Amino acid sequence: MRNFLRAAIALVLLSIAAPALAQTNRLGGIVRDETGDTIRGVTVRAVFPDPQGSGRSLFTLTAASDDRGRFLLIINRGGEWFITFEAPGFSRMTLPVGIRLNAPAHNMEVKLDRNEHPEAFGALAGVNSKELSTQLSAAAELLDKGQYDQALEAYRQIKTTAPALSMVNLQIGNAYVGKKSYPEAEAAFQEVMKDNPEEPNGLFAMGALKEAQGRSAEAQTWYEKAAQADGNWTKPLMKLAAMASAGGDRAAATRHLTRVVEIDPKSQDGQQAATLLKGQ
């Protein structure tokens, strides 16, 4: 039975060894005013708070509505996000949204009320948001297809025109991992963690980078850091379970898998972990 567990977790390891973009969801929608007209240039900010209650944000994404009021965010973290909508002349609105990865796109229709006291423009107010949304979708598709050079060029262009987008360096690093250009990938992931050394996505990406280089001990350390930075993120725990099983540490593998099931039994990771635990 131990061999079954080890082999099964090895399969899971292969299934989650792709770059961080492999598991995503798209959060999009349209913003209107009280009359039903669409609003252009709304700053849309998605914040993933620390589930441990520290008060800090583990990850922040930013977009803006286009000339038809539409917006798009590509999210690679499951859980509860808080989405804030801001526009000059309108009251700010914040909504909680539960995101599941590899699930149907989450669509929203938001209505903002007018405010007599206009607020400042957001970080992307000067960007052509319609064009930016198109560029993000195209770049993500290139990365998904393994067209790494084209993806790099696309993300570099996005970084130039919209430096406020926090996902760009992570995706640039993922493209370099795909190309096996490891020093460049590490530099991109370090940039992700420049302002927050405990940024979980950057920590996990560094683990995946070290694993791709065959440096398992270092990879395990980075995955442990990612799991500590966000105690409710199942992805690094699944990696740690697979590595523990490969090293013959059945107790550690079981501990990590059990934690995954406790966090989110209905998620893809939770269901895989439950299946593996039943096979012990």
C-alpha atoms as a PDB file:
ATOM      1  CA  MET A   1       0.000   0.000   0.000  1.00  0.00           C
ATOM      2  CA  ARG A   2       2.920   2.323   0.656  1.00  0.00           C
ATOM      3  CA  ASN A   3       4.073   1.865  -2.938  1.00  0.00           C
ATOM      4  CA  PHE A   4       0.586   2.769  -4.135  1.00  0.00           C
ATOM      5  CA  LEU A   5       0.634   5.994  -2.147  1.00  0.00           C
ATOM      6  CA  ARG A   6       4.090   6.864  -3.411  1.00  0.00           C
ATOM      7  CA  ALA A   7       3.185   6.182  -7.042  1.00  0.00           C
ATOM      8  CA  ALA A   8      -0.111   8.038  -6.786  1.00  0.00           C
ATOM      9  CA  ILE A   9       1.466  11.132  -5.299  1.00  0.00           C
ATOM     10  CA  ALA A  10       4.153  10.995  -7.978  1.00  0.00           C
ATOM     11  CA  LEU A  11       1.380  11.340 -10.543  1.00  0.00           C
ATOM     12  CA  VAL A  12       0.015  14.350  -8.684  1.00  0.00           C
ATOM     13  CA  LEU A  13       3.507  15.852  -8.662  1.00  0.00           C
ATOM     14  CA  LEU A  14       3.650  15.594 -12.433  1.00  0.00           C
ATOM     15  CA  SER A  15       0.211  17.141 -12.779  1.00  0.00           C
ATOM     16  CA  ILE A  16       1.152  20.232 -10.754  1.00  0.00           C
ATOM     17  CA  ALA A  17       4.710  20.707 -11.970  1.00  0.00           C
ATOM     18  CA  ALA A  18       3.712  23.206 -14.673  1.00  0.00           C
ATOM     19  CA  PRO A  19       4.314  26.948 -14.240  1.00  0.00           C
ATOM     20  CA  ALA A  20       2.108  28.822 -11.810  1.00  0.00           C
ATOM     21  CA  LEU A  21      -0.250  29.996 -14.552  1.00  0.00           C
ATOM     22  CA  ALA A  22      -1.500  26.448 -15.143  1.00  0.00           C
ATOM     23  CA  GLN A  23      -4.244  26.859 -12.538  1.00  0.00           C
ATOM     24  CA  THR A  24      -6.133  30.118 -12.999  1.00  0.00           C
ATOM     25  CA  ASN A  25      -9.545  31.659 -13.168  1.00  0.00           C
ATOM     26  CA  ARG A  26     -10.757  34.739 -14.964  1.00  0.00           C
ATOM     27  CA  LEU A  27     -12.674  37.359 -13.023  1.00  0.00           C
ATOM     28  CA  GLY A  28     -14.391  39.781 -15.318  1.00  0.00           C
ATOM     29  CA  GLY A  29     -17.525  41.787 -15.712  1.00  0.00           C
ATOM     30  CA  ILE A  30     -19.007  45.161 -16.424  1.00  0.00           C
ATOM     31  CA  VAL A  31     -19.413  48.338 -14.362  1.00  0.00           C
ATOM     32  CA  ARG A  32     -22.470  50.605 -14.727  1.00  0.00           C
ATOM     33  CA  ASP A  33     -23.825  53.744 -13.117  1.00  0.00           C
ATOM     34  CA  GLU A  34     -27.257  54.075 -11.508  1.00  0.00           C
ATOM     35  CA  THR A  35     -28.880  54.733 -14.900  1.00  0.00           C
ATOM     36  CA  GLY A  36     -27.452  51.575 -16.443  1.00  0.00           C
ATOM     37  CA  ASP A  37     -24.813  53.325 -18.540  1.00  0.00           C
ATOM     38  CA  THR A  38     -21.368  51.710 -18.540  1.00  0.00           C
ATOM     39  CA  ILE A  39     -18.450  53.475 -16.848  1.00  0.00           C
ATOM     40  CA  ARG A  40     -15.066  53.766 -18.466  1.00  0.00           C
ATOM     41  CA  GLY A  41     -11.801  54.008 -16.508  1.00  0.00           C
ATOM     42  CA  VAL A  42     -12.947  52.371 -13.275  1.00  0.00           C
ATOM     43  CA  THR A  43      -9.960  51.122 -11.293  1.00  0.00           C
ATOM     44  CA  VAL A  44     -10.608  47.510 -10.276  1.00  0.00           C
ATOM     45  CA  ARG A  45      -8.346  46.265  -7.497  1.00  0.00           C
ATOM     46  CA  ALA A  46      -8.447  42.641  -6.278  1.00  0.00           C
ATOM     47  CA  VAL A  47      -6.870  41.966  -2.874  1.00  0.00           C
ATOM     48  CA  PHE A  48      -6.161  38.566  -1.337  1.00  0.00           C
ATOM     49  CA  PRO A  49      -5.814  39.172   2.444  1.00  0.00           C
ATOM     50  CA  ASP A  50      -3.684  37.154   4.817  1.00  0.00           C
ATOM     51  CA  PRO A  51      -6.034  34.425   6.141  1.00  0.00           C
ATOM     52  CA  GLN A  52      -4.059  34.440   9.397  1.00  0.00           C
ATOM     53  CA  GLY A  53      -5.477  37.867  10.199  1.00  0.00           C
ATOM     54  CA  SER A  54      -2.247  39.880  10.078  1.00  0.00           C
ATOM     55  CA  GLY A  55      -4.069  42.669   8.241  1.00  0.00           C
ATOM     56  CA  ARG A  56      -1.679  42.659   5.276  1.00  0.00           C
ATOM     57  CA  SER A  57      -2.454  41.719   1.707  1.00  0.00           C
ATOM     58  CA  LEU A  58      -0.721  38.658   0.319  1.00  0.00           C
ATOM     59  CA  PHE A  59      -1.437  39.563  -3.282  1.00  0.00           C
ATOM     60  CA  THR A  60      -2.976  42.481  -5.182  1.00  0.00           C
ATOM     61  CA  LEU A  61      -4.079  42.685  -8.820  1.00  0.00           C
ATOM     62  CA  THR A  62      -5.174  45.806 -10.682  1.00  0.00           C
ATOM     63  CA  ALA A  63      -7.162  46.407 -13.869  1.00  0.00           C
ATOM     64  CA  ALA A  64      -9.402  49.102 -15.345  1.00  0.00           C
ATOM     65  CA  SER A  65     -12.714  49.087 -17.189  1.00  0.00           C
ATOM     66  CA  ASP A  66     -12.603  49.769 -20.928  1.00  0.00           C
ATOM     67  CA  ASP A  67     -14.773  52.093 -23.006  1.00  0.00           C
ATOM     68  CA  ARG A  68     -17.669  49.633 -22.676  1.00  0.00           C
ATOM     69  CA  GLY A  69     -17.302  49.273 -18.930  1.00  0.00           C
ATOM     70  CA  ARG A  70     -15.696  45.828 -19.094  1.00  0.00           C
ATOM     71  CA  PHE A  71     -12.777  44.610 -16.988  1.00  0.00           C
ATOM     72  CA  LEU A  72     -10.713  41.424 -16.702  1.00  0.00           C
ATOM     73  CA  LEU A  73      -8.408  39.983 -14.032  1.00  0.00           C
ATOM     74  CA  ILE A  74      -6.526  36.683 -14.340  1.00  0.00           C
ATOM     75  CA  ILE A  75      -6.329  35.124 -10.870  1.00  0.00           C
ATOM     76  CA  ASN A  76      -4.064  32.230  -9.893  1.00  0.00           C
ATOM     77  CA  ARG A  77      -5.050  31.903  -6.238  1.00  0.00           C
ATOM     78  CA  GLY A  78      -8.202  30.241  -4.995  1.00  0.00           C
ATOM     79  CA  GLY A  79     -10.033  31.602  -1.963  1.00  0.00           C
ATOM     80  CA  GLU A  80     -11.834  34.768  -0.920  1.00  0.00           C
ATOM     81  CA  TRP A  81     -10.740  37.945  -2.664  1.00  0.00           C
ATOM     82  CA  PHE A  82     -11.959  41.478  -2.018  1.00  0.00           C
ATOM     83  CA  ILE A  83     -12.668  43.454  -5.184  1.00  0.00           C
ATOM     84  CA  THR A  84     -12.716  47.258  -4.953  1.00  0.00           C
ATOM     85  CA  PHE A  85     -14.148  49.522  -7.661  1.00  0.00           C
ATOM     86  CA  GLU A  86     -13.117  53.184  -7.763  1.00  0.00           C
ATOM     87  CA  ALA A  87     -13.850  55.943 -10.260  1.00  0.00           C
ATOM     88  CA  PRO A  88     -13.847  59.758 -10.121  1.00  0.00           C
ATOM     89  CA  GLY A  89     -17.301  61.013  -9.219  1.00  0.00           C
ATOM     90  CA  PHE A  90     -18.516  57.672  -7.865  1.00  0.00           C
ATOM     91  CA  SER A  91     -18.608  56.093  -4.415  1.00  0.00           C
ATOM     92  CA  ARG A  92     -16.061  53.354  -3.828  1.00  0.00           C
ATOM     93  CA  MET A  93     -17.442  49.808  -3.610  1.00  0.00           C
ATOM     94  CA  THR A  94     -15.772  46.679  -2.207  1.00  0.00           C
ATOM     95  CA  LEU A  95     -17.214  43.188  -2.686  1.00  0.00           C
ATOM     96  CA  PRO A  96     -16.016  39.777  -1.424  1.00  0.00           C
ATOM     97  CA  VAL A  97     -15.725  37.130  -4.148  1.00  0.00           C
ATOM     98  CA  GLY A  98     -14.931  33.453  -3.702  1.00  0.00           C
ATOM     99  CA  ILE A  99     -12.629  32.193  -6.462  1.00  0.00           C
ATOM    100  CA  ARG A 100     -12.028  28.565  -7.424  1.00  0.00           C
ATOM    101  CA  LEU A 101      -9.236  27.691  -9.822  1.00  0.00           C
ATOM    102  CA  ASN A 102      -9.867  25.719 -13.013  1.00  0.00           C
ATOM    103  CA  ALA A 103     -13.547  26.627 -12.726  1.00  0.00           C
ATOM    104  CA  PRO A 104     -15.872  28.549 -15.071  1.00  0.00           C
ATOM    105  CA  ALA A 105     -14.996  32.249 -15.346  1.00  0.00           C
ATOM    106  CA  HIS A 106     -16.483  34.435 -12.632  1.00  0.00           C
ATOM    107  CA  ASN A 107     -18.557  37.262 -14.152  1.00  0.00           C
ATOM    108  CA  MET A 108     -19.788  40.291 -12.236  1.00  0.00           C
ATOM    109  CA  GLU A 109     -22.130  43.185 -12.996  1.00  0.00           C
ATOM    110  CA  VAL A 110     -21.471  46.114 -10.662  1.00  0.00           C
ATOM    111  CA  LYS A 111     -23.428  49.338 -10.202  1.00  0.00           C
ATOM    112  CA  LEU A 112     -21.665  52.376  -8.741  1.00  0.00           C
ATOM    113  CA  ASP A 113     -23.521  55.328  -7.218  1.00  0.00           C
ATOM    114  CA  ARG A 114     -22.463  58.860  -8.010  1.00  0.00           C
ATOM    115  CA  ASN A 115     -20.574  60.836  -5.399  1.00  0.00           C
ATOM    116  CA  GLU A 116     -20.524  64.608  -5.162  1.00  0.00           C
ATOM    117  CA  HIS A 117     -16.870  64.495  -4.126  1.00  0.00           C
ATOM    118  CA  PRO A 118     -14.767  62.974  -6.937  1.00  0.00           C
ATOM    119  CA  GLU A 119     -11.746  60.893  -5.926  1.00  0.00           C
ATOM    120  CA  ALA A 120      -8.346  60.593  -7.531  1.00  0.00           C
ATOM    121  CA  PHE A 121      -7.777  58.455 -10.589  1.00  0.00           C
ATOM    122  CA  GLY A 122      -6.443  54.940 -10.047  1.00  0.00           C
ATOM    123  CA  ALA A 123      -3.069  53.591 -11.066  1.00  0.00           C
ATOM    124  CA  LEU A 124      -4.296  52.468 -14.501  1.00  0.00           C
ATOM    125  CA  ALA A 125      -6.526  55.432 -15.307  1.00  0.00           C
ATOM    126  CA  GLY A 126      -4.237  56.598 -18.113  1.00  0.00           C
ATOM    127  CA  VAL A 127      -3.992  53.183 -19.757  1.00  0.00           C
ATOM    128  CA  ASN A 128      -6.120  52.059 -22.702  1.00  0.00           C
ATOM    129  CA  SER A 129      -7.906  49.387 -20.675  1.00  0.00           C
ATOM    130  CA  LYS A 130      -9.650  47.745 -23.622  1.00  0.00           C
ATOM    131  CA  GLU A 131      -6.327  47.208 -25.343  1.00  0.00           C
ATOM    132  CA  LEU A 132      -4.740  46.097 -22.059  1.00  0.00           C
ATOM    133  CA  SER A 133      -7.391  43.409 -21.496  1.00  0.00           C
ATOM    134  CA  THR A 134      -6.802  42.105 -25.013  1.00  0.00           C
ATOM    135  CA  GLN A 135      -3.035  42.053 -24.459  1.00  0.00           C
ATOM    136  CA  LEU A 136      -3.366  40.158 -21.159  1.00  0.00           C
ATOM    137  CA  SER A 137      -5.576  37.487 -22.696  1.00  0.00           C
ATOM    138  CA  ALA A 138      -3.254  37.092 -25.679  1.00  0.00           C
ATOM    139  CA  ALA A 139      -0.143  36.842 -23.485  1.00  0.00           C
ATOM    140  CA  ALA A 140      -1.771  34.247 -21.220  1.00  0.00           C
ATOM    141  CA  GLU A 141      -2.766  32.174 -24.241  1.00  0.00           C
ATOM    142  CA  LEU A 142       0.786  32.252 -25.594  1.00  0.00           C
ATOM    143  CA  LEU A 143       2.154  31.101 -22.248  1.00  0.00           C
ATOM    144  CA  ASP A 144      -0.426  28.327 -21.990  1.00  0.00           C
ATOM    145  CA  LYS A 145       0.587  27.094 -25.453  1.00  0.00           C
ATOM    146  CA  GLY A 146       4.292  27.047 -24.586  1.00  0.00           C
ATOM    147  CA  GLN A 147       5.150  29.861 -27.001  1.00  0.00           C
ATOM    148  CA  TYR A 148       7.550  31.353 -24.497  1.00  0.00           C
ATOM    149  CA  ASP A 149       9.453  33.877 -26.609  1.00  0.00           C
ATOM    150  CA  GLN A 150       6.219  35.373 -27.893  1.00  0.00           C
ATOM    151  CA  ALA A 151       4.770  35.400 -24.377  1.00  0.00           C
ATOM    152  CA  LEU A 152       7.847  37.185 -23.047  1.00  0.00           C
ATOM    153  CA  GLU A 153       7.573  39.864 -25.683  1.00  0.00           C
ATOM    154  CA  ALA A 154       3.870  40.301 -24.924  1.00  0.00           C
ATOM    155  CA  TYR A 155       4.412  40.595 -21.169  1.00  0.00           C
ATOM    156  CA  ARG A 156       7.332  42.999 -21.611  1.00  0.00           C
ATOM    157  CA  GLN A 157       5.065  45.258 -23.635  1.00  0.00           C
ATOM    158  CA  ILE A 158       2.394  45.076 -20.933  1.00  0.00           C
ATOM    159  CA  LYS A 159       4.985  45.872 -18.259  1.00  0.00           C
ATOM    160  CA  THR A 160       6.057  48.943 -20.199  1.00  0.00           C
ATOM    161  CA  THR A 161       2.557  50.320 -20.687  1.00  0.00           C
ATOM    162  CA  ALA A 162       1.039  49.200 -17.368  1.00  0.00           C
ATOM    163  CA  PRO A 163       3.763  48.776 -14.708  1.00  0.00           C
ATOM    164  CA  ALA A 164       1.096  48.724 -11.956  1.00  0.00           C
ATOM    165  CA  LEU A 165      -0.010  45.226 -12.988  1.00  0.00           C
ATOM    166  CA  SER A 166       1.479  42.969 -10.331  1.00  0.00           C
ATOM    167  CA  MET A 167       1.116  39.676 -12.220  1.00  0.00           C
ATOM    168  CA  VAL A 168       3.494  40.589 -15.023  1.00  0.00           C
ATOM    169  CA  ASN A 169       6.823  39.693 -13.385  1.00  0.00           C
ATOM    170  CA  LEU A 170       5.423  36.368 -12.201  1.00  0.00           C
ATOM    171  CA  GLN A 171       4.353  35.460 -15.723  1.00  0.00           C
ATOM    172  CA  ILE A 172       7.647  36.627 -17.190  1.00  0.00           C
ATOM    173  CA  GLY A 173       9.396  34.294 -14.754  1.00  0.00           C
ATOM    174  CA  ASN A 174       7.106  31.424 -15.725  1.00  0.00           C
ATOM    175  CA  ALA A 175       7.954  31.966 -19.386  1.00  0.00           C
ATOM    176  CA  TYR A 176      11.677  31.867 -18.584  1.00  0.00           C
ATOM    177  CA  VAL A 177      11.187  28.625 -16.643  1.00  0.00           C
ATOM    178  CA  GLY A 178       9.501  27.185 -19.727  1.00  0.00           C
ATOM    179  CA  LYS A 179      12.547  28.233 -21.778  1.00  0.00           C
ATOM    180  CA  LYS A 180      14.878  26.766 -19.114  1.00  0.00           C
ATOM    181  CA  SER A 181      16.445  30.215 -18.797  1.00  0.00           C
ATOM    182  CA  TYR A 182      16.764  29.806 -15.060  1.00  0.00           C
ATOM    183  CA  PRO A 183      18.854  32.881 -14.047  1.00  0.00           C
ATOM    184  CA  GLU A 184      16.395  35.156 -15.848  1.00  0.00           C
ATOM    185  CA  ALA A 185      13.457  33.343 -14.225  1.00  0.00           C
ATOM    186  CA  GLU A 186      14.961  33.790 -10.762  1.00  0.00           C
ATOM    187  CA  ALA A 187      15.499  37.508 -11.370  1.00  0.00           C
ATOM    188  CA  ALA A 188      11.835  37.895 -12.375  1.00  0.00           C
ATOM    189  CA  PHE A 189      10.581  36.008  -9.305  1.00  0.00           C
ATOM    190  CA  GLN A 190      12.843  38.060  -7.037  1.00  0.00           C
ATOM    191  CA  GLU A 191      11.212  41.151  -8.532  1.00  0.00           C
ATOM    192  CA  VAL A 192       7.817  39.745  -7.497  1.00  0.00           C
ATOM    193  CA  MET A 193       9.082  39.607  -3.903  1.00  0.00           C
ATOM    194  CA  LYS A 194      10.924  42.932  -4.007  1.00  0.00           C
ATOM    195  CA  ASP A 195       8.342  44.837  -1.960  1.00  0.00           C
ATOM    196  CA  ASN A 196       7.127  41.813   0.018  1.00  0.00           C
ATOM    197  CA  PRO A 197       9.716  39.060   0.642  1.00  0.00           C
ATOM    198  CA  GLU A 198       6.926  36.816   1.962  1.00  0.00           C
ATOM    199  CA  GLU A 199       4.748  37.064  -1.160  1.00  0.00           C
ATOM    200  CA  PRO A 200       3.415  33.484  -1.457  1.00  0.00           C
ATOM    201  CA  ASN A 201       3.226  33.380  -5.257  1.00  0.00           C
ATOM    202  CA  GLY A 202       6.862  34.451  -5.538  1.00  0.00           C
ATOM    203  CA  LEU A 203       7.941  31.904  -2.923  1.00  0.00           C
ATOM    204  CA  PHE A 204       6.079  29.101  -4.678  1.00  0.00           C
ATOM    205  CA  ALA A 205       7.461  30.131  -8.055  1.00  0.00           C
ATOM    206  CA  MET A 206      10.984  29.968  -6.649  1.00  0.00           C
ATOM    207  CA  GLY A 207      10.242  26.446  -5.438  1.00  0.00           C
ATOM    208  CA  ALA A 208       9.040  25.425  -8.890  1.00  0.00           C
ATOM    209  CA  LEU A 209      12.165  26.976 -10.395  1.00  0.00           C
ATOM    210  CA  LYS A 210      14.498  25.032  -8.099  1.00  0.00           C
ATOM    211  CA  GLU A 211      12.538  21.855  -8.759  1.00  0.00           C
ATOM    212  CA  ALA A 212      12.876  22.369 -12.513  1.00  0.00           C
ATOM    213  CA  GLN A 213      16.636  22.596 -11.968  1.00  0.00           C
ATOM    214  CA  GLY A 214      16.653  19.315 -10.047  1.00  0.00           C
ATOM    215  CA  ARG A 215      17.514  21.043  -6.755  1.00  0.00           C
ATOM    216  CA  SER A 216      14.948  19.236  -4.629  1.00  0.00           C
ATOM    217  CA  ALA A 217      16.182  20.294  -1.189  1.00  0.00           C
ATOM    218  CA  GLU A 218      16.070  23.976  -2.133  1.00  0.00           C
ATOM    219  CA  ALA A 219      12.675  23.511  -3.785  1.00  0.00           C
ATOM    220  CA  GLN A 220      11.298  21.976  -0.603  1.00  0.00           C
ATOM    221  CA  THR A 221      12.527  24.952   1.430  1.00  0.00           C
ATOM    222  CA  TRP A 222      10.780  27.413  -0.871  1.00  0.00           C
ATOM    223  CA  TYR A 223       7.551  25.400  -0.842  1.00  0.00           C
ATOM    224  CA  GLU A 224       7.663  25.347   2.951  1.00  0.00           C
ATOM    225  CA  LYS A 225       8.072  29.119   2.974  1.00  0.00           C
ATOM    226  CA  ALA A 226       5.082  29.488   0.635  1.00  0.00           C
ATOM    227  CA  ALA A 227       2.965  27.225   2.852  1.00  0.00           C
ATOM    228  CA  GLN A 228       3.948  29.238   5.933  1.00  0.00           C
ATOM    229  CA  ALA A 229       3.260  32.566   4.228  1.00  0.00           C
ATOM    230  CA  ASP A 230      -0.271  31.445   3.344  1.00  0.00           C
ATOM    231  CA  GLY A 231      -1.469  28.678   5.620  1.00  0.00           C
ATOM    232  CA  ASN A 232      -4.639  28.137   3.590  1.00  0.00           C
ATOM    233  CA  TRP A 233      -3.048  27.643   0.166  1.00  0.00           C
ATOM    234  CA  THR A 234      -3.200  23.999  -0.904  1.00  0.00           C
ATOM    235  CA  LYS A 235      -0.794  24.148  -3.851  1.00  0.00           C
ATOM    236  CA  PRO A 236       2.503  24.208  -1.889  1.00  0.00           C
ATOM    237  CA  LEU A 237       1.144  21.543   0.467  1.00  0.00           C
ATOM    238  CA  MET A 238       0.494  19.216  -2.472  1.00  0.00           C
ATOM    239  CA  LYS A 239       4.059  19.790  -3.647  1.00  0.00           C
ATOM    240  CA  LEU A 240       5.405  19.046  -0.171  1.00  0.00           C
ATOM    241  CA  ALA A 241       3.296  15.874   0.035  1.00  0.00           C
ATOM    242  CA  ALA A 242       4.672  14.660  -3.286  1.00  0.00           C
ATOM    243  CA  MET A 243       8.261  15.383  -2.278  1.00  0.00           C
ATOM    244  CA  ALA A 244       7.807  13.697   1.112  1.00  0.00           C
ATOM    245  CA  SER A 245       6.379  10.610  -0.566  1.00  0.00           C
ATOM    246  CA  ALA A 246       9.222  10.508  -3.085  1.00  0.00           C
ATOM    247  CA  GLY A 247      11.647  10.607  -0.178  1.00  0.00           C
ATOM    248  CA  GLY A 248       9.890   7.795   1.658  1.00  0.00           C
ATOM    249  CA  ASP A 249       8.478  10.011   4.438  1.00  0.00           C
ATOM    250  CA  ARG A 250       4.955   8.634   4.539  1.00  0.00           C
ATOM    251  CA  ALA A 251       4.045  10.437   7.780  1.00  0.00           C
ATOM    252  CA  ALA A 252       4.909  13.864   6.333  1.00  0.00           C
ATOM    253  CA  ALA A 253       3.045  13.109   3.101  1.00  0.00           C
ATOM    254  CA  THR A 254      -0.035  12.087   5.076  1.00  0.00           C
ATOM    255  CA  ARG A 255       0.187  15.221   7.225  1.00  0.00           C
ATOM    256  CA  HIS A 256       0.312  17.531   4.205  1.00  0.00           C
ATOM    257  CA  LEU A 257      -2.507  15.720   2.402  1.00  0.00           C
ATOM    258  CA  THR A 258      -4.693  15.815   5.495  1.00  0.00           C
ATOM    259  CA  ARG A 259      -4.163  19.571   5.772  1.00  0.00           C
ATOM    260  CA  VAL A 260      -5.174  20.027   2.124  1.00  0.00           C
ATOM    261  CA  VAL A 261      -8.459  18.202   2.744  1.00  0.00           C
ATOM    262  CA  GLU A 262      -9.081  20.300   5.862  1.00  0.00           C
ATOM    263  CA  ILE A 263      -8.558  23.550   3.944  1.00  0.00           C
ATOM    264  CA  ASP A 264     -10.821  22.930   0.958  1.00  0.00           C
ATOM    265  CA  PRO A 265     -12.222  19.413   0.484  1.00  0.00           C
ATOM    266  CA  LYS A 266     -14.244  20.431  -2.594  1.00  0.00           C
ATOM    267  CA  SER A 267     -11.311  21.825  -4.557  1.00  0.00           C
ATOM    268  CA  GLN A 268      -9.369  19.824  -7.128  1.00  0.00           C
ATOM    269  CA  ASP A 269      -6.423  19.552  -4.719  1.00  0.00           C
ATOM    270  CA  GLY A 270      -8.733  18.560  -1.874  1.00  0.00           C
ATOM    271  CA  GLN A 271     -10.335  15.787  -3.902  1.00  0.00           C
ATOM    272  CA  GLN A 272      -6.952  14.480  -5.074  1.00  0.00           C
ATOM    273  CA  ALA A 273      -5.629  14.516  -1.515  1.00  0.00           C
ATOM    274  CA  ALA A 274      -8.682  12.669  -0.202  1.00  0.00           C
ATOM    275  CA  THR A 275      -8.266   9.997  -2.885  1.00  0.00           C
ATOM    276  CA  LEU A 276      -4.614   9.504  -1.990  1.00  0.00           C
ATOM    277  CA  LEU A 277      -5.370   9.278   1.709  1.00  0.00           C
ATOM    278  CA  LYS A 278      -8.006   6.609   1.080  1.00  0.00           C
ATOM    279  CA  GLY A 279      -5.405   4.528  -0.737  1.00  0.00           C
ATOM    280  CA  GLN A 280      -3.120   4.264   2.288  1.00  0.00           C
END
